[in-house]
C-alpha cells in the first residue's frame, strides 16, 4: 500500500454504540480509515460492490441476517474481524478465514492486537516477493535434457521462437521449450523488460536506446508499438 493512502474499513453492527466504539479505536491509527458504519448488513452491499474495502468489522447476532450468513453471501469479501457479544460462534468465524474474533466490550488493547494481525497479513505478500527477488539471483532452464543454472546478470536478451525461446548470455545461447510470457513471470521486473512480442531484454545490457530501438551486444531490436510507453517510463 502507498504510504500516503489508508486502509478502508466499514463497520456493520446493529448497535450504534458498538459502531462508535470501533470508530474511536480506529482514530488511533493513521493508516486506517472508517468510511462507513451500518446498523443493517443489507445496507452495506452496495458499498462493498462498488468500492475497495480492505477490512470489515462485522457483528454476528443481528436481525434479518447474521454476520456469518452475510459474509458467506459475498462473492469477494474483504478481510474480516468479527465483533460480537457471544463467544460460541468463534469456530464458525475462523472457518471463514476471519482475522480475529473480538468479544464485546472491546478494549483498545485487544483491538490493537487484531489490527496488528491485519497489518501483518497485508504486508506479507509484498515481503515475500521482495525476499524472493533478493535471494534468487538466477534461473534454472532446461535444454537438451540438461539443466542450466544461469545468473540473471549474465542474460543479454531472450527471443521467442514460437513454442520455444532462445536465451542469449554473454558466453552462449540455449533453446528451451518455454513461452516468452512464461519465462517473463520468472524474471525480476527490476532487471528485465519486454520491448516486443518476441523479445525481452536485460536493462543493464542495453548499450544504445531511442524511442524506436535498443541495441545490445551489437544487435538492434525494434521496440514494439504496444511497448513504447511502458519502455519510455521504465528507462526514465
Protein backbone atom coordinates (compact mmCIF):
# COMPACT_ATOMS: atom_id res chain seq x y z
CA UNK A 1 0.00 0.00 0.00
CA UNK A 2 1.20 3.53 -0.78
CA UNK A 3 2.47 5.34 2.30
CA UNK A 4 0.04 8.21 1.74
CA UNK A 5 -3.08 6.04 1.38
CA UNK A 6 -5.14 4.43 4.10
CA UNK A 7 -6.80 1.06 4.60
CA UNK A 8 -10.54 1.48 4.06
CA UNK A 9 -12.78 -0.04 6.74
CA UNK A 10 -16.51 -0.42 7.22
CA UNK A 11 -18.40 -1.49 10.32
CA UNK A 12 -21.62 -3.50 10.43
CA UNK A 13 -23.31 -3.73 13.82
CA UNK A 14 -26.94 -3.30 14.83
CA UNK A 15 -25.86 -1.34 17.90
CA UNK A 16 -24.86 2.29 17.11
CA UNK A 17 -22.83 2.45 20.34
CA UNK A 18 -20.76 -0.55 19.22
CA UNK A 19 -20.06 1.18 15.89
CA UNK A 20 -18.93 4.32 17.72
CA UNK A 21 -16.53 2.35 19.94
CA UNK A 22 -14.82 0.79 16.90
CA UNK A 23 -14.68 4.14 15.12
CA UNK A 24 -12.99 5.72 18.13
CA UNK A 25 -10.47 2.87 18.29
CA UNK A 26 -9.70 3.29 14.59
CA UNK A 27 -8.99 7.00 15.05
CA UNK A 28 -5.79 6.00 16.84
CA UNK A 29 -4.36 4.56 13.60
CA UNK A 30 -3.17 7.00 10.94
CA UNK A 31 -3.22 4.30 8.25
CA UNK A 32 -6.81 3.19 8.93
CA UNK A 33 -9.98 4.98 7.81
CA UNK A 34 -13.59 4.12 8.61
CA UNK A 35 -15.55 5.06 5.51
CA UNK A 36 -18.96 3.96 6.81
CA UNK A 37 -20.85 2.30 9.64
CA UNK A 38 -24.08 0.33 9.05
CA UNK A 39 -26.69 -0.92 11.51
CA UNK A 40 -28.15 -3.23 8.83
CA UNK A 41 -25.94 -5.66 6.91
CA UNK A 42 -28.07 -5.42 3.78
CA UNK A 43 -27.30 -1.69 3.52
CA UNK A 44 -23.58 -2.43 3.15
CA UNK A 45 -23.91 -4.49 -0.04
CA UNK A 46 -23.77 -1.51 -2.39
CA UNK A 47 -20.59 -0.02 -0.96
CA UNK A 48 -18.91 -3.44 -0.86
CA UNK A 49 -19.69 -3.97 -4.55
CA UNK A 50 -18.62 -0.52 -5.73
CA UNK A 51 -15.69 0.48 -3.52
CA UNK A 52 -12.49 -1.20 -2.42
CA UNK A 53 -12.89 -2.17 1.21
CA UNK A 54 -9.82 -3.57 2.94
CA UNK A 55 -11.27 -4.53 6.31
CA UNK A 56 -14.76 -5.31 7.55
CA UNK A 57 -15.74 -5.23 11.23
CA UNK A 58 -18.76 -7.49 11.40
CA UNK A 59 -21.20 -8.25 14.21
CA UNK A 60 -22.71 -11.75 14.24
CA UNK A 61 -26.06 -11.71 16.02
CA UNK A 62 -28.13 -9.19 14.03
CA UNK A 63 -31.78 -9.08 12.96
CA UNK A 64 -32.61 -10.12 9.42
CA UNK A 65 -29.34 -11.83 8.54
CA UNK A 66 -26.47 -12.87 10.79
CA UNK A 67 -22.92 -11.72 10.20
CA UNK A 68 -21.91 -15.31 9.37
CA UNK A 69 -24.64 -15.63 6.73
CA UNK A 70 -23.88 -12.19 5.33
CA UNK A 71 -20.17 -12.97 4.89
CA UNK A 72 -20.98 -16.24 3.14
CA UNK A 73 -23.18 -14.33 0.68
CA UNK A 74 -20.30 -12.14 -0.54
CA UNK A 75 -18.51 -13.38 -3.65
CA UNK A 76 -15.34 -11.39 -2.94
CA UNK A 77 -15.38 -10.44 0.73
CA UNK A 78 -12.73 -8.18 2.27
CA UNK A 79 -10.71 -9.33 5.24
CA UNK A 80 -12.97 -9.52 8.28
CA UNK A 81 -12.75 -9.12 12.03
CA UNK A 82 -15.84 -10.34 13.86
CA UNK A 83 -17.15 -8.26 16.77
CA UNK A 84 -19.77 -9.88 18.94
CA UNK A 85 -21.12 -10.30 22.44
CA UNK A 86 -21.18 -14.08 22.02
CA UNK A 87 -18.23 -16.46 22.32
CA UNK A 88 -19.89 -19.55 20.84
CA UNK A 89 -19.53 -18.53 17.17
CA UNK A 90 -15.72 -18.44 17.15
CA UNK A 91 -15.27 -21.76 15.34
CA UNK A 92 -17.68 -20.74 12.57
CA UNK A 93 -15.91 -17.39 12.24
CA UNK A 94 -12.42 -18.80 11.85
CA UNK A 95 -13.66 -21.37 9.34
CA UNK A 96 -14.48 -18.33 7.19
CA UNK A 97 -10.83 -17.17 7.49
CA UNK A 98 -11.61 -14.35 9.87
CA UNK A 99 -8.54 -12.41 11.01
CA UNK A 100 -9.79 -12.20 14.58
CA UNK A 101 -12.82 -12.63 16.83
CA UNK A 102 -13.41 -9.80 19.29
CA UNK A 103 -15.83 -10.20 22.16
CA UNK A 104 -17.62 -7.11 23.44
CA UNK A 105 -16.87 -4.94 25.30
CA UNK A 106 -13.79 -4.50 23.11
CA UNK A 107 -10.81 -2.98 24.90
CA UNK A 108 -8.32 -0.95 22.92
CA UNK A 109 -5.54 -3.37 23.88
CA UNK A 110 -7.44 -6.28 22.34
CA UNK A 111 -8.41 -4.17 19.33
CA UNK A 112 -4.76 -3.24 18.76
CA UNK A 113 -3.82 -6.91 18.64
CA UNK A 114 -6.44 -7.54 15.93
CA UNK A 115 -5.26 -4.60 13.84
CA UNK A 116 -1.68 -5.81 14.06
CA UNK A 117 -2.78 -9.20 12.72
CA UNK A 118 -4.43 -7.45 9.79
CA UNK A 119 -1.36 -5.32 9.03
CA UNK A 120 0.95 -8.35 9.13
CA UNK A 121 -1.26 -10.17 6.62
CA UNK A 122 -1.33 -7.12 4.34
CA UNK A 123 2.45 -6.78 4.32
CA UNK A 124 3.23 -10.49 3.98
CA UNK A 125 2.77 -10.87 0.17
CA UNK A 126 4.99 -7.85 -0.55
CA UNK A 127 7.62 -9.01 1.94
CA UNK A 128 7.68 -12.49 0.41
CA UNK A 129 8.05 -11.04 -3.08
CA UNK A 130 10.97 -8.85 -2.04
CA UNK A 131 12.68 -11.68 -0.20
CA UNK A 132 12.30 -13.94 -3.22
CA UNK A 133 13.84 -11.38 -5.54
CA UNK A 134 16.68 -10.64 -3.13
CA UNK A 135 17.57 -14.29 -2.53
CA UNK A 136 17.17 -15.76 -6.02
CA UNK A 137 19.60 -14.23 -8.49
CA UNK A 138 19.46 -16.98 -11.11
CA UNK A 139 17.08 -19.07 -13.18
CA UNK A 140 17.11 -22.79 -13.95
CA UNK A 141 16.49 -23.58 -17.64
CA UNK A 142 16.20 -26.99 -19.24
CA UNK A 143 17.68 -27.58 -22.68
CA UNK A 144 18.65 -30.80 -24.46
CA UNK A 145 17.90 -32.88 -21.32
CA UNK A 146 20.24 -30.73 -19.24
CA UNK A 147 19.51 -28.17 -16.53
CA UNK A 148 21.36 -24.87 -16.76
CA UNK A 149 21.72 -22.52 -13.81
CA UNK A 150 22.04 -19.05 -15.35
CA UNK A 151 22.59 -15.90 -13.26
CA UNK A 152 20.19 -13.11 -14.23
CA UNK A 153 23.14 -10.75 -14.67
CA UNK A 154 24.56 -12.94 -17.47
CA UNK A 155 21.42 -12.87 -19.64
CA UNK A 156 21.58 -10.39 -22.52
CA UNK A 157 18.16 -10.93 -24.06
CA UNK A 158 15.57 -13.62 -24.75
CA UNK A 159 13.94 -14.30 -28.10
CA UNK A 160 10.63 -16.05 -28.79
CA UNK A 161 10.67 -18.88 -31.35
CA UNK A 162 7.01 -19.94 -31.48
CA UNK A 163 6.75 -22.60 -28.73
CA UNK A 164 10.40 -22.18 -27.78
CA UNK A 165 12.64 -19.40 -26.51
CA UNK A 166 16.30 -18.72 -27.16
CA UNK A 167 18.21 -17.29 -24.21
CA UNK A 168 21.35 -15.33 -25.07
CA UNK A 169 24.05 -14.86 -22.45
CA UNK A 170 27.47 -13.24 -22.54
CA UNK A 171 29.09 -16.60 -23.41
CA UNK A 172 26.50 -18.87 -25.02
CA UNK A 173 22.87 -19.31 -26.04
CA UNK A 174 20.39 -22.12 -25.37
CA UNK A 175 16.97 -23.05 -26.72
CA UNK A 176 14.26 -24.09 -24.25
CA UNK A 177 10.72 -25.37 -24.61
CA UNK A 178 9.01 -22.40 -22.95
CA UNK A 179 6.89 -19.41 -23.92
CA UNK A 180 8.14 -15.84 -23.67
CA UNK A 181 5.22 -14.97 -21.39
CA UNK A 182 6.05 -17.93 -19.18
CA UNK A 183 9.67 -17.01 -18.60
CA UNK A 184 8.75 -13.33 -18.20
CA UNK A 185 6.98 -14.23 -14.94
CA UNK A 186 10.20 -15.76 -13.57
CA UNK A 187 12.39 -12.74 -14.27
CA UNK A 188 12.77 -9.83 -11.82
CA UNK A 189 10.88 -6.76 -13.04
CA UNK A 190 13.72 -4.55 -11.85
CA UNK A 191 16.16 -6.03 -14.40
CA UNK A 192 14.16 -7.23 -17.40
CA UNK A 193 11.59 -5.63 -19.66
CA UNK A 194 9.63 -6.79 -22.67
CA UNK A 195 10.19 -4.50 -25.65
CA UNK A 196 8.43 -6.52 -28.34
CA UNK A 197 6.10 -9.50 -28.53
CA UNK A 198 9.21 -11.51 -29.46
CA UNK A 199 11.89 -10.05 -27.19
CA UNK A 200 12.73 -9.48 -23.53
CA UNK A 201 15.95 -7.59 -22.75
CA UNK A 202 18.16 -7.11 -19.73
CA UNK A 203 18.07 -3.40 -18.93
CA UNK A 204 21.68 -3.35 -17.68
CA UNK A 205 22.93 -4.74 -21.02
CA UNK A 206 21.38 -2.02 -23.19
CA UNK A 207 24.15 -0.03 -24.85
CA UNK A 208 22.09 2.33 -27.03
CA UNK A 209 18.41 3.20 -26.98
CA UNK A 210 15.99 5.54 -28.71
CA UNK A 211 12.22 5.72 -28.85
CA UNK A 212 12.35 3.26 -31.77
CA UNK A 213 15.01 0.69 -30.87
CA UNK A 214 17.58 -0.58 -28.36
CA UNK A 215 20.98 -2.14 -29.02
CA UNK A 216 22.61 -4.95 -27.05
CA UNK A 217 25.96 -6.57 -27.96
CA UNK A 218 25.83 -5.02 -31.41
CA UNK A 219 22.32 -6.26 -32.20
CA UNK A 220 19.47 -3.83 -32.77
CA UNK A 221 15.94 -4.57 -31.54
CA UNK A 222 12.89 -2.68 -32.73
CA UNK A 223 10.57 -1.55 -29.94
CA UNK A 224 7.03 -2.81 -30.48
CA UNK A 225 4.32 -0.19 -30.74
CA UNK A 226 2.43 -1.58 -27.76
CA UNK A 227 5.54 -1.44 -25.56
CA UNK A 228 6.83 2.08 -26.27
CA UNK A 229 5.02 3.93 -23.49
CA UNK A 230 5.99 1.44 -20.82
CA UNK A 231 9.58 1.31 -22.03
CA UNK A 232 9.96 5.09 -22.04
CA UNK A 233 8.74 5.31 -18.43
CA UNK A 234 10.93 2.38 -17.42
CA UNK A 235 14.11 3.91 -18.86
CA UNK A 236 13.25 7.25 -17.28
